[in-house]
Amino acid sequence: MHTHNFSAWTHSHVFDTGNQAAERGTRLVMWITLAMMAIEIAAGLGFNSMALLADGWHMSSHAVAIGLSAFAYAAARRLAQDARFTFGTWKIEVLAAFASAVFLLGVAGLMAFGSIERLFSPAPIHYREAMAVTAIGLLVNLGCALILGGAHHGHGHGHDHGHDHDHGHGHGHGHGHGHGHGHGQDHGHPHHDINLRAAYLHVMADAATSVLAIVALAGGWWLGWSWLDPVMGLVGAVLVGRWAVGLLRQSGTVLLDREMDHPVVAEVREVLDAFAHGESHTRVADLHVWRVGREQFACIASLVTHDATLTPQRVRQALSVHEELVHVSVEINQCDDGPAPGRTPHRH
């Protein structure tokens, strides 16, 4: 078999490097959380309430995690032009989200431990004061959620960049791309921005535990159900733990490049399989797709064909309809001795 190798690159010079609105929002939420933490600790000491004191220190972990999210945005922005980052600095944000999820899992563990301890060793609770401060904390958390939601919608914009370079190399390098940042497609919750979602989950975890705490305090104050406080603490721990595990999976998937089950991969295969018509016996020998931005992907594809007219440029042009692909490498192996051994030619 006589093989000719040709390659073509389609690549973007601009990768996701951070969200200035999200950076401002997470920084503001960090300071608000720190202020509320100080208020709760002071109130706990003043009212001799261990519940408030514990919640204040619990809030400190959220302040650290949200601060980590803000730091990740700043670091991604400041290092955006550092050539050592092959595909940009977006994964700094993903790494921060993973660390934040670990923090959140630790918070859930501490909540569960404290609740079980309180079940076996009940302590007197200053219900009126504790409910008042918890209600203030809930309002603060809802305000922070609105701030982060606004930062998310502030990131809902699109970009279109187009570059087309042709270099006269013997093996046929061609450069070009057209892409759109898919940020405007994400509505509702800060879901595709994993770092923003991490900060959002910390705020919502605080809000959820505040709601559960108010229910528990009301039951204890009006009905004498003192056991409700630790039980609601356990419910909150399970809820926060589930959120933490979901965030760990989402961020871990990106960090480990486990993206071959993403819908965009099936779309790429569909485009490549379209070249298998007739007697060309074209097949996909190798395919790798991985995420390099919020909705941006890199792709390496190797095709084996008997079609002398099939070029990397044709494949590149066909793949360009998928704007999520911002960096594409195509290799064409042309054979002239019949169908590739061990494989049935693709026919459509």
Protein backbone atom coordinates (compact mmCIF):
# COMPACT_ATOMS: atom_id res chain seq x y z
CA MET A 1 0.00 0.00 0.00
CA HIS A 2 1.36 3.36 -1.02
CA THR A 3 0.39 6.04 1.44
CA HIS A 4 0.50 9.79 1.11
CA ASN A 5 0.03 11.89 4.21
CA PHE A 6 -1.56 15.29 4.06
CA SER A 7 -2.55 17.41 7.01
CA ALA A 8 -4.51 20.58 7.52
CA TRP A 9 -5.01 22.65 10.63
CA THR A 10 -7.98 24.79 11.49
CA HIS A 11 -7.37 26.72 14.63
CA SER A 12 -8.56 29.64 16.68
CA HIS A 13 -6.25 32.26 18.09
CA VAL A 14 -8.84 33.21 20.71
CA PHE A 15 -9.93 30.74 23.39
CA ASP A 16 -12.12 31.39 26.41
CA THR A 17 -9.96 33.27 28.90
CA GLY A 18 -12.47 34.37 31.49
CA ASN A 19 -15.61 36.31 32.08
CA GLN A 20 -15.12 39.84 33.42
CA ALA A 21 -18.74 40.09 34.58
CA ALA A 22 -18.41 36.78 36.44
CA GLU A 23 -15.08 37.88 37.91
CA ARG A 24 -16.64 41.06 39.27
CA GLY A 25 -19.69 39.18 40.50
CA THR A 26 -17.78 36.45 42.32
CA ARG A 27 -15.46 39.03 43.91
CA LEU A 28 -18.45 41.04 45.17
CA VAL A 29 -20.16 37.90 46.48
CA MET A 30 -16.95 36.90 48.26
CA TRP A 31 -16.88 40.21 50.19
CA ILE A 32 -20.59 39.98 51.02
CA THR A 33 -20.11 36.40 52.25
CA LEU A 34 -17.17 37.44 54.40
CA ALA A 35 -19.23 40.26 55.93
CA MET A 36 -22.14 37.91 56.69
CA MET A 37 -19.70 35.41 58.16
CA ALA A 38 -18.38 38.05 60.56
CA ILE A 39 -21.92 39.05 61.55
CA GLU A 40 -22.93 35.45 62.27
CA ILE A 41 -19.80 34.74 64.32
CA ALA A 42 -20.30 37.94 66.32
CA ALA A 43 -23.99 37.13 66.86
CA GLY A 44 -23.15 33.59 67.90
CA LEU A 45 -20.72 34.85 70.51
CA GLY A 46 -23.13 37.58 71.67
CA PHE A 47 -26.22 35.35 71.93
CA ASN A 48 -24.28 32.31 73.15
CA SER A 49 -25.65 30.38 70.17
CA MET A 50 -23.50 27.50 69.00
CA ALA A 51 -25.78 27.07 65.96
CA LEU A 52 -25.06 30.60 64.74
CA LEU A 53 -21.38 30.30 65.56
CA ALA A 54 -21.12 27.03 63.64
CA ASP A 55 -22.99 28.50 60.66
CA GLY A 56 -20.66 31.49 60.66
CA TRP A 57 -17.57 29.31 60.47
CA HIS A 58 -19.33 27.11 57.92
CA MET A 59 -19.88 30.23 55.81
CA SER A 60 -16.12 30.90 55.90
CA SER A 61 -15.54 27.81 53.76
CA HIS A 62 -17.94 29.21 51.17
CA ALA A 63 -16.11 32.54 51.24
CA VAL A 64 -12.83 30.74 50.54
CA ALA A 65 -14.34 28.72 47.70
CA ILE A 66 -16.03 31.75 46.08
CA GLY A 67 -12.77 33.68 46.46
CA LEU A 68 -11.06 30.81 44.64
CA SER A 69 -13.52 31.20 41.76
CA ALA A 70 -12.77 34.94 41.55
CA PHE A 71 -9.02 34.25 41.65
CA ALA A 72 -9.35 31.71 38.82
CA TYR A 73 -11.06 34.29 36.58
CA ALA A 74 -8.33 36.82 37.31
CA ALA A 75 -5.54 34.29 36.73
CA ALA A 76 -7.08 33.11 33.43
CA ARG A 77 -7.34 36.72 32.25
CA ARG A 78 -3.82 37.73 33.30
CA LEU A 79 -2.19 34.64 31.77
CA ALA A 80 -4.27 34.70 28.58
CA GLN A 81 -1.27 35.73 26.43
CA ASP A 82 1.12 33.20 28.00
CA ALA A 83 2.25 30.98 25.10
CA ARG A 84 2.94 28.08 27.46
CA PHE A 85 -0.82 27.42 27.62
CA THR A 86 -1.38 25.60 24.33
CA PHE A 87 -5.16 25.96 24.31
CA GLY A 88 -5.53 29.06 26.46
CA THR A 89 -6.11 29.40 30.19
CA TRP A 90 -9.78 28.44 30.47
CA LYS A 91 -9.03 25.23 32.36
CA ILE A 92 -7.70 27.29 35.27
CA GLU A 93 -11.37 28.08 35.88
CA VAL A 94 -12.30 24.39 35.61
CA LEU A 95 -9.53 23.45 38.05
CA ALA A 96 -10.88 26.04 40.51
CA ALA A 97 -14.36 24.57 40.10
CA PHE A 98 -13.02 21.09 40.91
CA ALA A 99 -11.27 22.42 44.03
CA SER A 100 -14.46 24.27 44.98
CA ALA A 101 -16.44 21.04 44.65
CA VAL A 102 -14.00 19.35 47.03
CA PHE A 103 -14.58 22.24 49.48
CA LEU A 104 -18.34 21.77 49.10
CA LEU A 105 -18.03 18.04 49.75
CA GLY A 106 -16.03 18.81 52.89
CA VAL A 107 -18.74 21.24 54.03
CA ALA A 108 -21.35 18.50 53.57
CA GLY A 109 -19.25 16.12 55.63
CA LEU A 110 -18.85 18.66 58.44
CA MET A 111 -22.58 19.40 58.38
CA ALA A 112 -23.39 15.69 58.69
CA PHE A 113 -20.86 15.20 61.52
CA GLY A 114 -22.15 18.23 63.44
CA SER A 115 -25.77 17.16 63.00
CA ILE A 116 -25.16 13.63 64.24
CA GLU A 117 -23.22 15.01 67.20
CA ARG A 118 -26.12 17.37 68.01
CA LEU A 119 -28.59 14.47 67.87
CA PHE A 120 -26.77 12.69 70.68
CA SER A 121 -25.73 15.82 72.59
CA PRO A 122 -28.56 18.39 72.35
CA ALA A 123 -27.67 22.00 73.21
CA PRO A 124 -30.01 24.86 74.11
CA ILE A 125 -30.80 27.14 71.18
CA HIS A 126 -31.73 30.84 71.31
CA TYR A 127 -34.51 30.41 68.78
CA ARG A 128 -35.63 34.01 68.30
CA GLU A 129 -32.15 35.46 67.76
CA ALA A 130 -31.02 32.51 65.67
CA MET A 131 -34.07 32.76 63.38
CA ALA A 132 -33.57 36.49 62.87
CA VAL A 133 -29.93 36.15 61.86
CA THR A 134 -30.67 33.08 59.71
CA ALA A 135 -33.40 35.01 57.88
CA ILE A 136 -30.94 37.83 57.19
CA GLY A 137 -28.45 35.26 55.94
CA LEU A 138 -31.07 33.80 53.58
CA LEU A 139 -31.80 37.23 52.11
CA VAL A 140 -28.07 37.83 51.65
CA ASN A 141 -27.67 34.48 49.89
CA LEU A 142 -30.60 35.16 47.56
CA GLY A 143 -29.05 38.55 46.74
CA CYS A 144 -25.73 36.87 45.99
CA ALA A 145 -27.50 34.34 43.74
CA LEU A 146 -29.04 37.25 41.81
CA ILE A 147 -25.59 38.86 41.45
CA LEU A 148 -24.10 35.65 40.06
CA GLY A 149 -27.14 35.13 37.83
CA GLY A 150 -26.63 38.65 36.47
CA ALA A 151 -22.94 37.90 35.87
CA HIS A 152 -23.97 34.80 33.94
CA HIS A 153 -26.40 36.72 31.72
CA GLY A 154 -23.73 39.39 31.24
CA HIS A 155 -21.63 36.64 29.69
CA GLY A 156 -24.37 35.77 27.20
CA HIS A 157 -22.79 37.18 24.08
CA GLY A 158 -21.41 35.80 20.86
CA HIS A 159 -18.19 36.27 18.97
CA ASP A 160 -17.35 35.49 15.40
CA HIS A 161 -13.76 35.33 14.32
CA GLY A 162 -12.49 34.39 10.92
CA HIS A 163 -8.96 33.66 9.86
CA ASP A 164 -7.76 32.01 6.71
CA HIS A 165 -4.12 31.28 6.17
CA ASP A 166 -2.54 29.16 3.47
CA HIS A 167 1.06 28.12 3.60
CA GLY A 168 2.79 26.50 0.66
CA HIS A 169 4.17 23.51 2.51
CA GLY A 170 4.67 20.32 0.60
CA HIS A 171 2.35 18.38 2.91
CA GLY A 172 -0.49 20.82 2.49
CA HIS A 173 -0.97 22.83 5.66
CA GLY A 174 -3.98 25.06 5.58
CA HIS A 175 -5.26 27.24 8.40
CA GLY A 176 -8.62 28.74 8.85
CA HIS A 177 -11.56 28.90 11.16
CA GLY A 178 -14.93 30.29 11.74
CA HIS A 179 -16.47 29.93 15.13
CA GLY A 180 -18.91 31.39 17.55
CA HIS A 181 -18.65 31.28 21.31
CA GLY A 182 -21.75 29.50 22.44
CA HIS A 183 -22.25 31.61 25.53
CA GLY A 184 -25.45 33.13 24.35
CA GLN A 185 -27.05 29.69 24.13
CA ASP A 186 -26.89 29.11 27.87
CA HIS A 187 -29.92 30.51 29.67
CA GLY A 188 -31.30 30.08 33.16
CA HIS A 189 -28.49 28.92 35.40
CA PRO A 190 -24.73 29.42 35.14
CA HIS A 191 -24.30 25.90 33.81
CA HIS A 192 -21.76 25.95 30.99
CA ASP A 193 -19.43 28.26 32.93
CA ILE A 194 -18.30 25.62 35.41
CA ASN A 195 -16.39 28.06 37.61
CA LEU A 196 -19.42 30.36 37.90
CA ARG A 197 -21.61 27.34 38.60
CA ALA A 198 -19.27 26.36 41.45
CA ALA A 199 -19.68 29.78 43.08
CA TYR A 200 -23.42 29.65 42.43
CA LEU A 201 -23.71 26.24 44.11
CA HIS A 202 -21.89 27.48 47.20
CA VAL A 203 -24.36 30.37 47.47
CA MET A 204 -27.34 28.08 46.86
CA ALA A 205 -25.99 25.60 49.42
CA ASP A 206 -25.96 28.40 51.98
CA ALA A 207 -29.47 29.46 50.96
CA ALA A 208 -30.79 25.90 51.18
CA THR A 209 -29.26 25.32 54.60
CA SER A 210 -30.71 28.67 55.74
CA VAL A 211 -34.20 27.58 54.65
CA LEU A 212 -33.80 24.24 56.41
CA ALA A 213 -32.45 26.01 59.50
CA ILE A 214 -35.48 28.36 59.61
CA VAL A 215 -37.85 25.37 59.36
CA ALA A 216 -35.94 23.56 62.11
CA LEU A 217 -35.79 26.61 64.38
CA ALA A 218 -39.51 27.31 63.88
CA GLY A 219 -40.39 23.72 64.73
CA GLY A 220 -38.19 23.81 67.82
CA TRP A 221 -39.47 27.19 68.98
CA TRP A 222 -43.22 26.70 68.41
CA LEU A 223 -43.59 22.91 68.75
CA GLY A 224 -40.68 22.00 71.00
CA TRP A 225 -39.18 19.70 68.37
CA SER A 226 -35.54 20.27 69.25
CA TRP A 227 -34.58 17.14 67.31
CA LEU A 228 -35.68 18.86 64.07
CA ASP A 229 -32.56 21.06 64.00
CA PRO A 230 -30.01 18.20 63.60
CA VAL A 231 -32.37 16.26 61.31
CA MET A 232 -32.63 19.24 58.95
CA GLY A 233 -28.85 19.53 59.21
CA LEU A 234 -28.55 15.96 57.88
CA VAL A 235 -31.01 16.71 55.07
CA GLY A 236 -28.95 19.76 54.13
CA ALA A 237 -25.74 17.72 54.21
CA VAL A 238 -27.20 15.18 51.76
CA LEU A 239 -28.41 17.96 49.43
CA VAL A 240 -25.08 19.79 49.46
CA GLY A 241 -23.23 16.49 49.01
CA ARG A 242 -25.26 15.67 45.89
CA TRP A 243 -24.48 19.09 44.43
CA ALA A 244 -20.78 18.63 45.21
CA VAL A 245 -20.63 15.22 43.53
CA GLY A 246 -22.37 16.59 40.42
CA LEU A 247 -19.87 19.45 40.21
CA LEU A 248 -16.96 17.04 40.71
CA ARG A 249 -18.19 14.92 37.81
CA GLN A 250 -18.74 17.90 35.51
CA SER A 251 -15.37 19.53 36.18
CA GLY A 252 -13.54 16.17 36.27
CA THR A 253 -14.93 15.27 32.84
CA VAL A 254 -13.36 18.40 31.35
CA LEU A 255 -10.04 18.03 33.19
CA LEU A 256 -9.70 14.38 32.12
CA ASP A 257 -10.77 15.12 28.50
CA ARG A 258 -13.60 12.56 28.74
CA GLU A 259 -15.59 14.06 25.90
CA MET A 260 -15.95 11.26 23.33
CA ASP A 261 -19.60 10.76 24.30
CA HIS A 262 -20.42 14.44 23.69
CA PRO A 263 -23.01 15.08 20.92
CA VAL A 264 -20.45 17.09 18.94
CA VAL A 265 -18.41 13.88 18.44
CA ALA A 266 -21.36 12.14 16.77
CA GLU A 267 -21.79 15.21 14.54
CA VAL A 268 -18.11 15.07 13.55
CA ARG A 269 -18.38 11.33 12.76
CA GLU A 270 -21.45 12.01 10.62
CA VAL A 271 -19.52 14.57 8.57
CA LEU A 272 -16.53 12.26 8.14
CA ASP A 273 -18.67 9.24 7.26
CA ALA A 274 -20.28 11.28 4.47
CA PHE A 275 -16.99 10.95 2.52
CA ALA A 276 -17.41 7.15 2.33
CA HIS A 277 -19.80 7.23 -0.66
CA GLY A 278 -19.13 5.24 -3.84
CA GLU A 279 -15.92 3.31 -4.37
CA SER A 280 -13.61 5.54 -2.32
CA HIS A 281 -13.63 3.10 0.63
CA THR A 282 -12.93 6.04 2.93
CA ARG A 283 -12.90 5.25 6.63
CA VAL A 284 -12.04 7.06 9.84
CA ALA A 285 -8.81 5.57 11.18
CA ASP A 286 -8.49 7.81 14.25
CA LEU A 287 -10.55 10.51 15.94
CA HIS A 288 -9.95 12.56 19.08
CA VAL A 289 -12.19 15.37 20.33
CA TRP A 290 -11.67 17.31 23.54
CA ARG A 291 -12.87 20.57 25.11
CA VAL A 292 -10.66 23.67 25.10
CA GLY A 293 -13.29 26.25 26.09
CA ARG A 294 -16.81 26.47 27.50
CA GLU A 295 -18.36 25.38 24.20
CA GLN A 296 -15.16 25.10 22.16
CA PHE A 297 -13.57 21.86 21.06
CA ALA A 298 -10.35 20.66 19.43
CA CYS A 299 -10.35 17.74 17.03
CA ILE A 300 -7.75 15.42 15.45
CA ALA A 301 -9.02 13.18 12.62
CA SER A 302 -7.18 10.67 10.45
CA LEU A 303 -8.86 9.23 7.33
CA VAL A 304 -7.80 6.39 5.03
CA THR A 305 -9.16 6.65 1.47
CA HIS A 306 -8.80 5.54 -2.14
CA ASP A 307 -10.29 8.81 -3.34
CA ALA A 308 -7.45 10.79 -4.92
CA THR A 309 -9.60 13.94 -4.88
CA LEU A 310 -10.17 13.91 -1.13
CA THR A 311 -8.07 16.62 0.49
CA PRO A 312 -7.75 17.99 4.02
CA GLN A 313 -9.23 21.24 2.73
CA ARG A 314 -12.45 19.44 1.69
CA VAL A 315 -12.73 17.79 5.09
CA ARG A 316 -11.98 21.06 6.82
CA GLN A 317 -14.67 22.83 4.82
CA ALA A 318 -17.23 20.14 5.72
CA LEU A 319 -16.38 20.36 9.42
CA SER A 320 -16.54 24.15 9.45
CA VAL A 321 -20.33 24.01 9.80
CA HIS A 322 -19.76 23.03 13.42
CA GLU A 323 -18.67 26.31 14.99
CA GLU A 324 -17.76 24.58 18.26
CA LEU A 325 -14.67 23.19 16.52
CA VAL A 326 -12.04 25.91 16.94
CA HIS A 327 -8.91 23.80 16.41
CA VAL A 328 -8.94 20.95 13.87
CA SER A 329 -6.15 18.73 12.54
CA VAL A 330 -6.96 16.50 9.56
CA GLU A 331 -4.72 13.77 8.14
CA ILE A 332 -5.52 12.05 4.82
CA ASN A 333 -3.85 8.72 4.03
CA GLN A 334 -4.39 7.96 0.33
CA CYS A 335 -4.05 4.32 -0.76
CA ASP A 336 -3.95 2.92 -4.28
CA ASP A 337 -4.01 -0.86 -3.77
CA GLY A 338 -7.65 -1.67 -3.06
CA PRO A 339 -9.73 -1.54 0.05
CA ALA A 340 -8.01 -1.24 3.42
CA PRO A 341 -7.34 -4.72 4.89
CA GLY A 342 -9.60 -5.99 7.64
CA ARG A 343 -12.28 -3.34 7.09
CA THR A 344 -15.51 -3.36 5.13
CA PRO A 345 -15.78 -0.23 3.00
CA HIS A 346 -18.36 2.31 4.19
CA ARG A 347 -21.31 2.50 1.84
CA HIS A 348 -24.27 4.85 2.16
